[in-house]
Amino acid sequence: MTSSDLRARYRRIVLFFARVTAGFIWWELVLPRLGLRRLAVRTRTERGRRAAVRFRALAVSMGGLMIKVGQFLSARLDVLPPEITQELSGLQDEVPPVAFDAVREVAESELAVPLAQHFAHFDQTPLAAASLGQVHRARLHPADAAEQGFADVVVKVQRPHIQQVVEVDLAALRRVGGWMQRYRPIRERADVPALLEEFATTTLQEVDYLAEGASAETFAANFAEDPRVSIPSVVWELSGRRVLTLQDVSAIKLGDHEAITAAGIDRAEVAQVLADTYLQQIFTDGFFHADPHPGNLFVTPRPDAGPGEPGWTLTFIDFGMVGHVPEELRGGLRDLVVAAGLRDGGRMVAGLRRLDLLLPDADLAAIEVAADQVFDRFGGLRMDELQQISPQEMVRFGMQFRELLLALPFQVPENLLLLGRSVGILSGICTGLDPEFDVWGTITPYATQLLEDEREGLPQTVVTEALALGRLLLVLPRRADRVLTMAERGELEVRTPTLTRQVRRLERTVARTNGVLVFAALLVAGAVLTGSDPGTGRLLMGVSVLPLAWVGLSALRRDR
């Protein structure tokens, strides 16, 4: 791949997102402030579908990281509208393959010998083509098969020049991330460049197949005692940084709902097992499969299963993208799970703070009240029951917390990037498998177990809290004296963030209204004078554009 090809690729990605960004600014920021909100809302569905069609075409033609972005979006059935997820769902299977001669060249270069020397058969037609590589079925020579315990394997080979392609795609995404960072609501809630660097680190690790093989073995060891889960074995003698040979475990893809049902397997049970495995990965192992899209998960029937054994297994493949959950992060996540299980708004706020998910000036009391109300209204409802709630009721419920929703007091820490991505995809997968998936029924028993573990560590917790209270009592007199001194000097300032935001919003509204009135006055005056004094009339009509432009620019500055 030449340098000019890489530059053209960079420009194509940047220009696509530039058009999407410009469209968003025009339809969602400018037009609503010019009184055309209804037009923006009425056309939103079709505009979303067209954008998804364009992105799908871009991703298929370019491959690389664009495929991964599309796969993530296609699995967000719980957040994105169906017109977008349906358009992008085909990205799981329609990545164009690389010609076999190019694959052979990469594989033989990595293994340092001809393929025929290692494989009795190597299928030239790829089993699957992914964004960073593609997979071919093969068969080991009898001697190697006897040593490994299986003959059928899949060989994962990186696409030619993929390292360069990934670096160019990351550079383009960094450019787009810089634009996003200029938009104030995003900038206040996420360090987009830091998030992209976290993603870049993970992606660059994904193009090292030796690391992927080691991750697969770690995952297999973590689930060695769970008969519901299976992981392919690695053939290390036939693996390298750009080639990975694994036991062939192909079965029913998790996204093929009809095939799962036809095999006599309960889809609701599959969704439950999937959720259970991720609870273990996140809270027990601290090591999780970070790319759980339906193409990387199989349901494998076991017709030979004995009494008491599961009739199928959940099979994980592709461990190129994995995440680690350090103990401190696990502690905050445990707080959230326990809060959800107990439906405790106060504990939910404590967990959000521990995870650094709240902005420094967030109204904690308002968030706690909102969380309690959400638990009271929606706690215990299944997914199908949640979907049946009318939009009008959701609007009425949301209006109770209008100021809180407008403030959006949340931010995105970079250490939650992969975990948030995985949980988001899982939510969509479980909903697709079982529309009645009971997230509360999954969380509650796990929260109960976490509470039991918590009680075992109660003595240490009491000591820790007592020491913290003692430190507070030591500094309390000094703090009180400082506050009283400031009050005597008239230096004490009381901040009311909500009232301040309301006043600023009112000031901006009045200013924009005045601008629109000036625009209308100049336009009408110009139209009236055109008949008697055409020159002055046209001048006034032309000048009327200036206050209109000011209104549009002020609306944009408000959101930057």
Protein backbone atom coordinates (compact mmCIF):
# COMPACT_ATOMS: atom_id res chain seq x y z
CA MET A 1 0.00 0.00 0.00
CA THR A 2 1.57 3.28 -1.12
CA SER A 3 1.75 6.51 0.88
CA SER A 4 -0.68 8.15 -1.55
CA ASP A 5 -3.20 5.35 -0.89
CA LEU A 6 -2.88 5.93 2.86
CA ARG A 7 -3.34 9.71 2.45
CA ALA A 8 -6.44 9.15 0.33
CA ARG A 9 -7.83 6.82 3.00
CA TYR A 10 -7.26 9.42 5.70
CA ARG A 11 -9.00 12.14 3.65
CA ARG A 12 -11.97 9.91 2.90
CA ILE A 13 -12.61 9.11 6.56
CA VAL A 14 -12.21 12.71 7.70
CA LEU A 15 -14.48 14.07 4.95
CA PHE A 16 -17.21 11.56 5.78
CA PHE A 17 -17.31 12.59 9.44
CA ALA A 18 -17.04 16.26 8.44
CA ARG A 19 -20.25 15.92 6.44
CA VAL A 20 -21.98 14.10 9.31
CA THR A 21 -20.84 16.79 11.77
CA ALA A 22 -22.03 19.60 9.50
CA GLY A 23 -25.39 17.90 9.09
CA PHE A 24 -25.75 17.50 12.85
CA ILE A 25 -24.97 21.18 13.47
CA TRP A 26 -27.45 22.34 10.83
CA TRP A 27 -30.37 20.05 11.70
CA GLU A 28 -30.02 19.66 15.46
CA LEU A 29 -28.54 23.00 16.57
CA VAL A 30 -29.27 25.73 14.02
CA LEU A 31 -32.76 24.89 12.70
CA PRO A 32 -34.37 24.32 16.15
CA ARG A 33 -33.18 27.77 17.20
CA LEU A 34 -34.72 29.30 14.10
CA GLY A 35 -38.13 27.87 14.98
CA LEU A 36 -37.86 24.75 12.80
CA ARG A 37 -37.58 22.14 15.54
CA ARG A 38 -40.60 20.20 14.24
CA LEU A 39 -38.98 19.85 10.80
CA ALA A 40 -35.78 18.52 12.42
CA VAL A 41 -37.73 16.00 14.51
CA ARG A 42 -39.94 14.89 11.59
CA THR A 43 -36.96 14.12 9.33
CA ARG A 44 -34.68 12.64 12.00
CA THR A 45 -35.53 8.97 11.33
CA GLU A 46 -34.91 9.15 7.60
CA ARG A 47 -31.73 11.18 8.07
CA GLY A 48 -30.45 8.58 10.55
CA ARG A 49 -31.17 5.77 8.11
CA ARG A 50 -29.40 7.55 5.24
CA ALA A 51 -26.35 8.26 7.42
CA ALA A 52 -26.23 4.57 8.42
CA VAL A 53 -26.40 3.52 4.76
CA ARG A 54 -23.52 5.84 3.87
CA PHE A 55 -21.42 4.66 6.83
CA ARG A 56 -22.07 1.02 6.00
CA ALA A 57 -20.87 1.57 2.42
CA LEU A 58 -17.77 3.37 3.71
CA ALA A 59 -16.96 0.64 6.26
CA VAL A 60 -17.38 -2.22 3.78
CA SER A 61 -15.24 -0.57 1.13
CA MET A 62 -12.47 0.47 3.53
CA GLY A 63 -12.41 -2.21 6.24
CA GLY A 64 -10.00 -1.47 9.07
CA LEU A 65 -11.35 0.20 12.20
CA MET A 66 -14.46 1.44 10.40
CA ILE A 67 -15.86 -2.10 10.53
CA LYS A 68 -15.33 -2.22 14.30
CA VAL A 69 -17.12 1.09 14.78
CA GLY A 70 -20.07 -0.20 12.72
CA GLN A 71 -20.19 -3.51 14.61
CA PHE A 72 -20.39 -1.68 17.90
CA LEU A 73 -23.22 0.57 16.71
CA SER A 74 -25.16 -2.34 15.19
CA ALA A 75 -25.30 -4.12 18.55
CA ARG A 76 -26.72 -1.14 20.46
CA LEU A 77 -30.35 -2.28 20.09
CA ASP A 78 -31.10 -0.80 23.50
CA VAL A 79 -30.04 2.74 22.58
CA LEU A 80 -30.01 3.32 18.82
CA PRO A 81 -33.18 3.32 16.72
CA PRO A 82 -33.86 0.23 14.57
CA GLU A 83 -33.37 2.09 11.28
CA ILE A 84 -29.67 2.47 12.20
CA THR A 85 -28.97 -0.92 13.83
CA GLN A 86 -30.70 -2.81 10.99
CA GLU A 87 -28.64 -1.04 8.35
CA LEU A 88 -25.39 -1.78 10.17
CA SER A 89 -26.16 -5.34 11.28
CA GLY A 90 -24.84 -6.83 8.02
CA LEU A 91 -21.36 -5.56 8.83
CA GLN A 92 -20.87 -8.67 10.96
CA ASP A 93 -20.62 -10.79 7.79
CA GLU A 94 -19.97 -8.64 4.71
CA VAL A 95 -16.34 -7.59 5.12
CA PRO A 96 -14.73 -8.24 1.71
CA PRO A 97 -12.02 -10.95 1.84
CA VAL A 98 -8.39 -10.58 0.82
CA ALA A 99 -7.13 -12.59 -2.16
CA PHE A 100 -5.65 -15.93 -1.08
CA ASP A 101 -2.24 -15.23 -2.62
CA ALA A 102 -1.85 -12.24 -0.30
CA VAL A 103 -2.96 -14.36 2.67
CA ARG A 104 -0.51 -17.11 1.76
CA GLU A 105 2.33 -14.59 1.53
CA VAL A 106 1.66 -13.23 5.03
CA ALA A 107 1.21 -16.70 6.58
CA GLU A 108 4.31 -18.26 5.00
CA SER A 109 6.38 -15.21 5.87
CA GLU A 110 5.30 -15.47 9.53
CA LEU A 111 5.69 -19.28 9.80
CA ALA A 112 8.87 -19.29 7.68
CA VAL A 113 7.83 -22.42 5.74
CA PRO A 114 5.27 -23.29 3.01
CA LEU A 115 1.74 -23.95 4.27
CA ALA A 116 1.77 -27.49 2.88
CA GLN A 117 4.55 -28.40 5.29
CA HIS A 118 2.30 -27.71 8.29
CA PHE A 119 -1.20 -28.44 7.00
CA ALA A 120 -2.61 -31.49 5.24
CA HIS A 121 -5.29 -29.20 3.80
CA PHE A 122 -5.73 -25.41 3.73
CA ASP A 123 -9.03 -24.05 2.41
CA GLN A 124 -8.39 -21.13 0.07
CA THR A 125 -11.93 -19.79 0.57
CA PRO A 126 -12.08 -17.83 3.84
CA LEU A 127 -14.44 -18.98 6.56
CA ALA A 128 -14.81 -15.39 7.73
CA ALA A 129 -13.33 -12.03 6.87
CA ALA A 130 -12.92 -9.56 9.71
CA SER A 131 -11.73 -5.98 9.92
CA LEU A 132 -8.12 -6.79 10.80
CA GLY A 133 -7.70 -10.29 9.41
CA GLN A 134 -9.48 -13.30 7.99
CA VAL A 135 -9.96 -16.93 8.96
CA HIS A 136 -9.41 -20.07 6.87
CA ARG A 137 -10.28 -23.66 7.72
CA ALA A 138 -7.42 -26.13 7.63
CA ARG A 139 -6.53 -29.66 8.72
CA LEU A 140 -3.41 -30.74 10.57
CA HIS A 141 -1.17 -33.59 9.47
CA PRO A 142 -2.05 -36.86 11.30
CA ALA A 143 0.99 -36.71 13.57
CA ASP A 144 0.21 -33.14 14.67
CA ALA A 145 -3.49 -33.99 15.06
CA ALA A 146 -2.64 -36.86 17.38
CA GLU A 147 -0.45 -34.60 19.48
CA GLN A 148 -3.06 -31.81 19.73
CA GLY A 149 -6.10 -34.05 20.17
CA PHE A 150 -7.95 -32.56 17.20
CA ALA A 151 -7.35 -32.32 13.45
CA ASP A 152 -9.66 -29.51 12.29
CA VAL A 153 -8.34 -26.01 12.90
CA VAL A 154 -8.96 -22.43 11.84
CA VAL A 155 -6.03 -20.23 10.87
CA LYS A 156 -6.36 -16.51 11.50
CA VAL A 157 -4.12 -14.43 9.23
CA GLN A 158 -3.72 -10.66 9.39
CA ARG A 159 -4.59 -8.56 6.37
CA PRO A 160 -1.57 -7.24 4.45
CA HIS A 161 -0.40 -3.78 5.61
CA ILE A 162 -2.97 -3.80 8.43
CA GLN A 163 -0.57 -2.07 10.82
CA GLN A 164 -0.35 0.93 8.49
CA VAL A 165 -4.10 0.95 7.91
CA VAL A 166 -4.82 0.95 11.66
CA GLU A 167 -2.41 3.84 12.24
CA VAL A 168 -4.05 5.91 9.49
CA ASP A 169 -7.57 5.15 10.77
CA LEU A 170 -6.55 6.12 14.29
CA ALA A 171 -5.08 9.38 13.00
CA ALA A 172 -8.36 10.18 11.23
CA LEU A 173 -10.40 9.32 14.34
CA ARG A 174 -8.13 11.54 16.43
CA ARG A 175 -8.87 14.40 14.04
CA VAL A 176 -12.61 13.79 14.38
CA GLY A 177 -12.22 13.49 18.16
CA GLY A 178 -10.61 16.95 18.17
CA TRP A 179 -13.75 18.35 16.53
CA MET A 180 -15.96 16.63 19.10
CA GLN A 181 -13.86 18.10 21.91
CA ARG A 182 -14.82 21.59 20.70
CA TYR A 183 -18.50 20.87 21.43
CA ARG A 184 -19.00 21.99 25.03
CA PRO A 185 -21.55 19.37 26.19
CA ILE A 186 -19.11 16.64 25.05
CA ARG A 187 -16.00 18.41 26.33
CA GLU A 188 -17.47 18.80 29.81
CA ARG A 189 -18.33 15.11 30.06
CA ALA A 190 -15.52 13.26 28.34
CA ASP A 191 -11.87 13.69 27.48
CA VAL A 192 -12.33 12.47 23.91
CA PRO A 193 -8.58 12.47 23.04
CA ALA A 194 -7.89 10.35 26.15
CA LEU A 195 -10.69 7.96 25.23
CA LEU A 196 -9.29 7.60 21.72
CA GLU A 197 -5.80 6.93 23.06
CA GLU A 198 -7.23 4.17 25.25
CA PHE A 199 -8.97 2.73 22.19
CA ALA A 200 -5.74 3.07 20.16
CA THR A 201 -3.75 1.15 22.77
CA THR A 202 -6.28 -1.68 22.75
CA THR A 203 -6.45 -1.80 18.96
CA LEU A 204 -2.68 -1.93 18.53
CA GLN A 205 -2.61 -4.83 21.00
CA GLU A 206 -5.26 -6.53 18.85
CA VAL A 207 -2.87 -6.84 15.91
CA ASP A 208 -0.51 -8.97 18.03
CA TYR A 209 -1.83 -12.55 17.71
CA LEU A 210 0.59 -13.91 20.31
CA ALA A 211 -1.08 -11.68 22.91
CA GLU A 212 -4.48 -12.86 21.67
CA GLY A 213 -3.50 -16.52 22.13
CA ALA A 214 -2.33 -15.82 25.69
CA SER A 215 -5.63 -14.05 26.46
CA ALA A 216 -7.60 -17.05 25.16
CA GLU A 217 -5.71 -19.35 27.51
CA THR A 218 -6.29 -17.01 30.47
CA PHE A 219 -10.01 -16.94 29.71
CA ALA A 220 -10.11 -20.72 29.40
CA ALA A 221 -8.42 -21.11 32.79
CA ASN A 222 -10.94 -18.74 34.42
CA PHE A 223 -13.88 -20.84 33.15
CA ALA A 224 -12.25 -24.27 33.45
CA GLU A 225 -14.83 -25.33 36.06
CA ASP A 226 -17.88 -24.04 34.16
CA PRO A 227 -19.29 -26.68 31.74
CA ARG A 228 -21.53 -24.05 30.11
CA VAL A 229 -18.56 -22.21 28.57
CA SER A 230 -15.98 -23.36 26.01
CA ILE A 231 -12.94 -21.72 24.40
CA PRO A 232 -10.84 -23.00 21.46
CA SER A 233 -7.37 -24.39 22.17
CA VAL A 234 -4.32 -22.62 20.71
CA VAL A 235 -1.82 -24.47 18.49
CA TRP A 236 1.27 -22.53 19.54
CA GLU A 237 3.63 -24.35 17.16
CA LEU A 238 1.70 -22.86 14.22
CA SER A 239 1.17 -19.36 15.60
CA GLY A 240 3.06 -16.09 15.51
CA ARG A 241 2.47 -12.35 15.72
CA ARG A 242 0.52 -12.28 12.44
CA VAL A 243 -0.82 -15.86 12.33
CA LEU A 244 -2.90 -17.68 14.96
CA THR A 245 -3.96 -21.34 14.67
CA LEU A 246 -6.88 -22.47 16.84
CA GLN A 247 -9.09 -25.49 17.32
CA ASP A 248 -12.12 -25.27 15.00
CA VAL A 249 -15.17 -24.65 17.23
CA SER A 250 -17.56 -23.25 14.59
CA ALA A 251 -21.21 -23.64 15.58
CA ILE A 252 -24.43 -21.58 15.61
CA LYS A 253 -23.74 -17.86 15.69
CA LEU A 254 -25.33 -16.09 18.61
CA GLY A 255 -27.09 -13.71 16.25
CA ASP A 256 -28.82 -16.57 14.36
CA HIS A 257 -31.92 -16.68 16.57
CA GLU A 258 -33.88 -19.01 14.27
CA ALA A 259 -31.09 -21.60 14.21
CA ILE A 260 -30.79 -21.53 18.01
CA THR A 261 -34.52 -22.14 18.36
CA ALA A 262 -34.45 -24.87 15.68
CA ALA A 263 -31.73 -26.68 17.66
CA GLY A 264 -34.13 -26.90 20.61
CA ILE A 265 -32.14 -24.43 22.70
CA ASP A 266 -33.95 -21.93 24.93
CA ARG A 267 -32.83 -18.45 23.83
CA ALA A 268 -33.80 -16.97 27.20
CA GLU A 269 -31.43 -19.43 28.86
CA VAL A 270 -28.66 -18.42 26.47
CA ALA A 271 -29.18 -14.75 27.37
CA GLN A 272 -29.03 -15.60 31.07
CA VAL A 273 -25.82 -17.64 30.74
CA LEU A 274 -24.22 -14.85 28.71
CA ALA A 275 -25.09 -12.32 31.43
CA ASP A 276 -23.81 -14.66 34.16
CA THR A 277 -20.47 -15.15 32.42
CA TYR A 278 -19.92 -11.41 32.17
CA LEU A 279 -20.76 -10.88 35.82
CA GLN A 280 -18.00 -13.36 36.62
CA GLN A 281 -15.58 -11.78 34.16
CA ILE A 282 -16.07 -8.28 35.52
CA PHE A 283 -16.54 -8.79 39.26
CA THR A 284 -14.63 -12.00 39.98
CA ASP A 285 -11.90 -12.39 37.36
CA GLY A 286 -11.26 -8.72 36.56
CA PHE A 287 -10.56 -9.83 32.97
CA PHE A 288 -13.22 -9.69 30.26
CA HIS A 289 -13.81 -10.35 26.57
CA ALA A 290 -14.17 -6.80 25.23
CA ASP A 291 -15.52 -7.54 21.74
CA PRO A 292 -18.67 -9.64 22.32
CA HIS A 293 -20.48 -8.93 19.06
CA PRO A 294 -22.59 -11.85 17.73
CA GLY A 295 -19.87 -12.93 15.27
CA ASN A 296 -17.54 -13.73 18.17
CA LEU A 297 -20.00 -15.89 20.13
CA PHE A 298 -21.38 -19.33 19.26
CA VAL A 299 -23.97 -21.64 20.74
CA THR A 300 -22.60 -25.19 20.43
CA PRO A 301 -25.17 -28.04 20.77
CA ARG A 302 -23.99 -31.10 22.73
CA PRO A 303 -26.11 -34.06 21.62
CA ASP A 304 -23.81 -36.44 23.56
CA ALA A 305 -24.28 -34.61 26.89
CA GLY A 306 -24.79 -36.95 29.81
CA PRO A 307 -27.29 -36.67 32.67
CA GLY A 308 -26.90 -33.41 34.58
CA GLU A 309 -24.67 -31.91 31.86
CA PRO A 310 -25.76 -28.88 29.81
CA GLY A 311 -27.11 -29.68 26.35
CA TRP A 312 -25.14 -26.81 24.81
CA THR A 313 -22.19 -24.55 25.54
CA LEU A 314 -21.55 -20.86 25.02
CA THR A 315 -18.37 -20.60 22.96
CA PHE A 316 -16.20 -17.47 22.93
CA ILE A 317 -13.73 -16.75 20.14
CA ASP A 318 -11.50 -13.81 19.14
CA PHE A 319 -9.67 -12.57 22.23
CA GLY A 320 -7.82 -9.79 20.43
CA MET A 321 -9.71 -7.16 22.42
CA VAL A 322 -9.78 -7.85 26.15
CA GLY A 323 -10.12 -5.57 29.15
CA HIS A 324 -8.85 -5.56 32.72
CA VAL A 325 -10.83 -4.34 35.73
CA PRO A 326 -8.55 -3.27 38.61
CA GLU A 327 -9.80 -3.76 42.16
CA GLU A 328 -10.68 -0.10 42.76
CA LEU A 329 -12.80 -0.03 39.61
CA ARG A 330 -14.42 -3.31 40.62
CA GLY A 331 -15.33 -1.78 43.96
CA GLY A 332 -17.22 1.06 42.31
CA LEU A 333 -18.97 -1.33 39.95
CA ARG A 334 -19.96 -3.55 42.89
CA ASP A 335 -21.55 -0.50 44.52
CA LEU A 336 -23.65 0.07 41.39
CA VAL A 337 -24.74 -3.58 41.21
CA VAL A 338 -25.68 -3.68 44.89
CA ALA A 339 -27.51 -0.36 44.54
CA ALA A 340 -29.47 -1.72 41.57
CA GLY A 341 -30.23 -4.96 43.40
CA LEU A 342 -31.40 -3.12 46.53
CA ARG A 343 -32.89 -0.24 44.49
CA ASP A 344 -31.03 2.20 46.70
CA GLY A 345 -30.59 5.66 45.16
CA GLY A 346 -28.10 6.83 47.80
CA ARG A 347 -25.81 3.90 47.20
CA MET A 348 -26.18 4.42 43.44
CA VAL A 349 -24.88 8.00 43.80
CA ALA A 350 -21.99 6.78 45.96
CA GLY A 351 -21.06 4.24 43.26
CA LEU A 352 -21.24 6.86 40.51
CA ARG A 353 -18.96 9.15 42.51
CA ARG A 354 -16.49 6.35 43.21
CA LEU A 355 -16.29 5.64 39.47
CA ASP A 356 -15.79 9.35 38.72
CA LEU A 357 -18.90 9.35 36.53
CA LEU A 358 -20.30 12.59 37.96
CA LEU A 359 -19.17 16.13 37.18
CA PRO A 360 -17.68 18.03 40.14
CA ASP A 361 -20.69 20.40 40.39
CA ALA A 362 -23.33 17.67 40.02
CA ASP A 363 -26.39 18.04 42.26
CA LEU A 364 -26.02 14.81 44.25
CA ALA A 365 -29.28 15.20 46.14
CA ALA A 366 -31.26 15.63 42.91
CA ILE A 367 -29.55 12.60 41.35
CA GLU A 368 -30.37 10.48 44.40
CA VAL A 369 -34.04 11.53 44.27
CA ALA A 370 -34.16 10.76 40.54
CA ALA A 371 -32.52 7.34 41.06
CA ASP A 372 -35.00 6.42 43.79
CA GLN A 373 -37.91 7.42 41.57
CA VAL A 374 -36.52 5.41 38.67
CA PHE A 375 -36.22 2.35 40.92
CA ASP A 376 -39.74 2.88 42.26
CA ARG A 377 -41.26 3.20 38.79
CA PHE A 378 -39.18 0.83 36.66
CA GLY A 379 -37.52 -1.53 39.13
CA GLY A 380 -38.43 -5.17 38.50
CA LEU A 381 -39.87 -4.60 35.02
CA ARG A 382 -38.76 -6.94 32.24
CA MET A 383 -37.44 -5.62 28.93
CA ASP A 384 -40.73 -6.26 27.13
CA GLU A 385 -42.62 -4.40 29.89
CA LEU A 386 -40.23 -1.46 29.63
CA GLN A 387 -40.77 -1.33 25.86
CA GLN A 388 -44.53 -1.14 26.35
CA ILE A 389 -44.34 2.06 28.42
CA SER A 390 -45.91 4.84 26.36
CA PRO A 391 -43.71 7.74 25.16
CA GLN A 392 -46.15 10.14 26.84
CA GLU A 393 -45.53 8.53 30.23
CA MET A 394 -41.77 8.65 29.71
CA VAL A 395 -42.04 12.36 28.85
CA ARG A 396 -44.13 13.05 31.96
CA PHE A 397 -41.65 11.13 34.09
CA GLY A 398 -38.71 12.98 32.57
CA MET A 399 -40.30 16.39 33.10
CA GLN A 400 -40.06 15.83 36.86
CA PHE A 401 -36.28 16.05 36.47
CA ARG A 402 -36.12 18.55 33.61
CA GLU A 403 -33.36 20.68 35.16
CA LEU A 404 -31.29 17.62 36.02
CA LEU A 405 -31.62 16.25 32.48
CA LEU A 406 -30.70 19.62 30.97
CA ALA A 407 -27.63 19.81 33.21
CA LEU A 408 -26.52 16.26 32.21
CA PRO A 409 -24.15 15.95 35.20
CA PHE A 410 -22.32 12.87 33.88
CA GLN A 411 -18.87 12.36 32.37
CA VAL A 412 -17.07 9.43 30.73
CA PRO A 413 -13.82 8.28 32.43
CA GLU A 414 -11.37 6.65 30.01
CA ASN A 415 -10.92 3.56 32.22
CA LEU A 416 -14.56 2.64 31.52
CA LEU A 417 -14.27 2.87 27.71
CA LEU A 418 -13.92 -0.85 26.92
CA LEU A 419 -16.19 -1.95 29.74
CA GLY A 420 -18.94 0.47 28.72
CA ARG A 421 -18.63 -0.66 25.12
CA SER A 422 -18.92 -4.33 26.11
CA VAL A 423 -21.86 -3.81 28.45
CA GLY A 424 -23.62 -1.78 25.77
CA ILE A 425 -23.21 -4.54 23.19
CA LEU A 426 -24.29 -7.20 25.70
CA SER A 427 -27.43 -5.28 26.52
CA GLY A 428 -28.43 -5.31 22.87
CA ILE A 429 -27.54 -9.01 22.41
CA CYS A 430 -29.52 -10.14 25.47
CA THR A 431 -32.53 -8.09 24.39
CA GLY A 432 -32.34 -9.63 20.91
CA LEU A 433 -32.14 -13.17 22.28
CA ASP A 434 -34.92 -12.63 24.80
CA PRO A 435 -37.17 -9.56 24.59
CA GLU A 436 -38.39 -10.47 28.10
CA PHE A 437 -34.84 -10.57 29.49
CA ASP A 438 -35.10 -9.72 33.20
CA VAL A 439 -32.10 -7.59 34.05
CA TRP A 440 -33.36 -7.19 37.64
CA GLY A 441 -33.63 -10.95 38.06
CA THR A 442 -30.00 -11.24 36.94
CA ILE A 443 -28.65 -8.46 39.14
CA THR A 444 -30.56 -9.13 42.37
CA PRO A 445 -29.05 -12.54 43.29
CA TYR A 446 -25.59 -11.30 42.37
CA ALA A 447 -26.10 -8.19 44.50
CA THR A 448 -27.16 -10.44 47.39
CA GLN A 449 -23.93 -12.43 47.08
CA LEU A 450 -21.88 -9.22 47.00
CA LEU A 451 -23.62 -8.08 50.18
CA GLU A 452 -22.76 -11.38 51.85
CA ASP A 453 -19.12 -10.88 50.87
CA GLU A 454 -19.36 -7.32 52.21
CA ARG A 455 -20.61 -8.52 55.60
CA GLU A 456 -17.61 -10.83 55.91
CA GLY A 457 -15.37 -7.79 55.67
CA LEU A 458 -17.49 -5.69 58.06
CA PRO A 459 -14.96 -5.48 60.95
CA GLN A 460 -12.30 -3.98 58.67
CA THR A 461 -14.88 -1.58 57.23
CA VAL A 462 -15.86 -0.40 60.73
CA VAL A 463 -12.21 0.29 61.60
CA THR A 464 -11.69 2.19 58.33
CA GLU A 465 -14.80 4.32 58.82
CA ALA A 466 -13.86 5.05 62.47
CA LEU A 467 -10.41 6.30 61.42
CA ALA A 468 -11.99 8.48 58.72
CA LEU A 469 -14.43 9.94 61.25
CA GLY A 470 -11.59 10.61 63.68
CA ARG A 471 -9.64 12.53 61.04
CA LEU A 472 -12.74 14.59 60.25
CA LEU A 473 -13.28 15.50 63.94
CA LEU A 474 -9.67 16.68 64.20
CA VAL A 475 -9.97 19.18 61.33
CA LEU A 476 -13.59 20.20 61.93
CA PRO A 477 -12.90 23.05 64.45
CA ARG A 478 -10.32 24.63 62.12
CA ARG A 479 -12.72 24.47 59.16
CA ALA A 480 -15.58 25.95 61.20
CA ASP A 481 -13.36 28.84 62.37
CA ARG A 482 -12.35 29.59 58.75
CA VAL A 483 -15.98 29.65 57.60
CA LEU A 484 -17.03 32.00 60.45
CA THR A 485 -14.11 34.34 59.72
CA MET A 486 -15.09 34.55 56.02
CA ALA A 487 -18.70 35.28 57.02
CA GLU A 488 -17.58 38.15 59.31
CA ARG A 489 -15.53 39.68 56.50
CA GLY A 490 -18.36 39.34 53.98
CA GLU A 491 -16.29 36.94 51.88
CA LEU A 492 -18.63 33.99 52.15
CA GLU A 493 -20.13 33.10 48.78
CA VAL A 494 -23.15 30.83 48.34
CA ARG A 495 -23.30 29.12 44.97
CA THR A 496 -26.54 27.92 43.42
CA PRO A 497 -25.58 26.17 40.17
CA THR A 498 -29.16 25.44 39.11
CA LEU A 499 -30.31 29.06 39.55
CA THR A 500 -27.19 30.35 37.79
CA ARG A 501 -27.83 28.06 34.81
CA GLN A 502 -31.46 29.20 34.62
CA VAL A 503 -30.49 32.90 34.66
CA ARG A 504 -27.84 32.41 31.97
CA ARG A 505 -30.28 30.43 29.84
CA LEU A 506 -32.87 33.23 30.19
CA GLU A 507 -30.30 35.88 29.25
CA ARG A 508 -29.32 33.95 26.12
CA THR A 509 -32.97 33.47 25.16
CA VAL A 510 -33.72 37.18 25.53
CA ALA A 511 -30.65 38.12 23.49
CA ARG A 512 -31.58 35.73 20.67
CA THR A 513 -35.18 36.95 20.72
CA ASN A 514 -33.97 40.54 20.33
CA GLY A 515 -31.79 39.45 17.43
CA VAL A 516 -34.73 37.80 15.68
CA LEU A 517 -36.87 40.93 16.25
CA VAL A 518 -34.19 43.16 14.74
CA PHE A 519 -33.92 40.80 11.77
CA ALA A 520 -37.71 40.87 11.25
CA ALA A 521 -37.88 44.67 11.60
CA LEU A 522 -35.13 45.26 9.03
CA LEU A 523 -36.62 42.72 6.65
CA VAL A 524 -40.14 44.23 6.83
CA ALA A 525 -38.82 47.80 6.56
CA GLY A 526 -36.77 46.87 3.53
CA ALA A 527 -39.74 45.19 1.87
CA VAL A 528 -41.93 48.27 2.48
CA LEU A 529 -39.33 50.73 1.13
CA THR A 530 -38.50 48.66 -1.94
CA GLY A 531 -41.45 50.14 -3.85
CA SER A 532 -40.59 53.83 -3.18
CA ASP A 533 -36.83 53.66 -2.59
CA PRO A 534 -35.45 50.41 -4.11
CA GLY A 535 -31.84 51.12 -3.14
CA THR A 536 -32.54 51.72 0.55
CA GLY A 537 -35.03 48.84 0.65
CA ARG A 538 -32.56 46.32 -0.76
CA LEU A 539 -29.88 47.65 1.60
CA LEU A 540 -32.08 47.10 4.66
CA MET A 541 -33.07 43.62 3.48
CA GLY A 542 -29.43 42.76 2.98
CA VAL A 543 -28.38 44.12 6.37
CA SER A 544 -31.14 42.02 8.01
CA VAL A 545 -28.98 38.96 7.41
CA LEU A 546 -26.47 40.17 10.01
CA PRO A 547 -28.66 39.79 13.15
CA LEU A 548 -29.95 36.47 11.78
CA ALA A 549 -26.37 35.22 11.39
CA TRP A 550 -25.58 36.44 14.91
CA VAL A 551 -28.49 34.40 16.30
CA GLY A 552 -27.23 31.27 14.53
CA LEU A 553 -23.64 31.79 15.69
CA SER A 554 -24.68 32.45 19.29
CA ALA A 555 -26.65 29.21 19.24
CA LEU A 556 -23.54 27.35 18.09
CA ARG A 557 -21.32 29.03 20.71
CA ARG A 558 -23.76 27.99 23.42
CA ASP A 559 -23.12 24.33 22.60
CA ARG A 560 -19.37 24.55 22.21
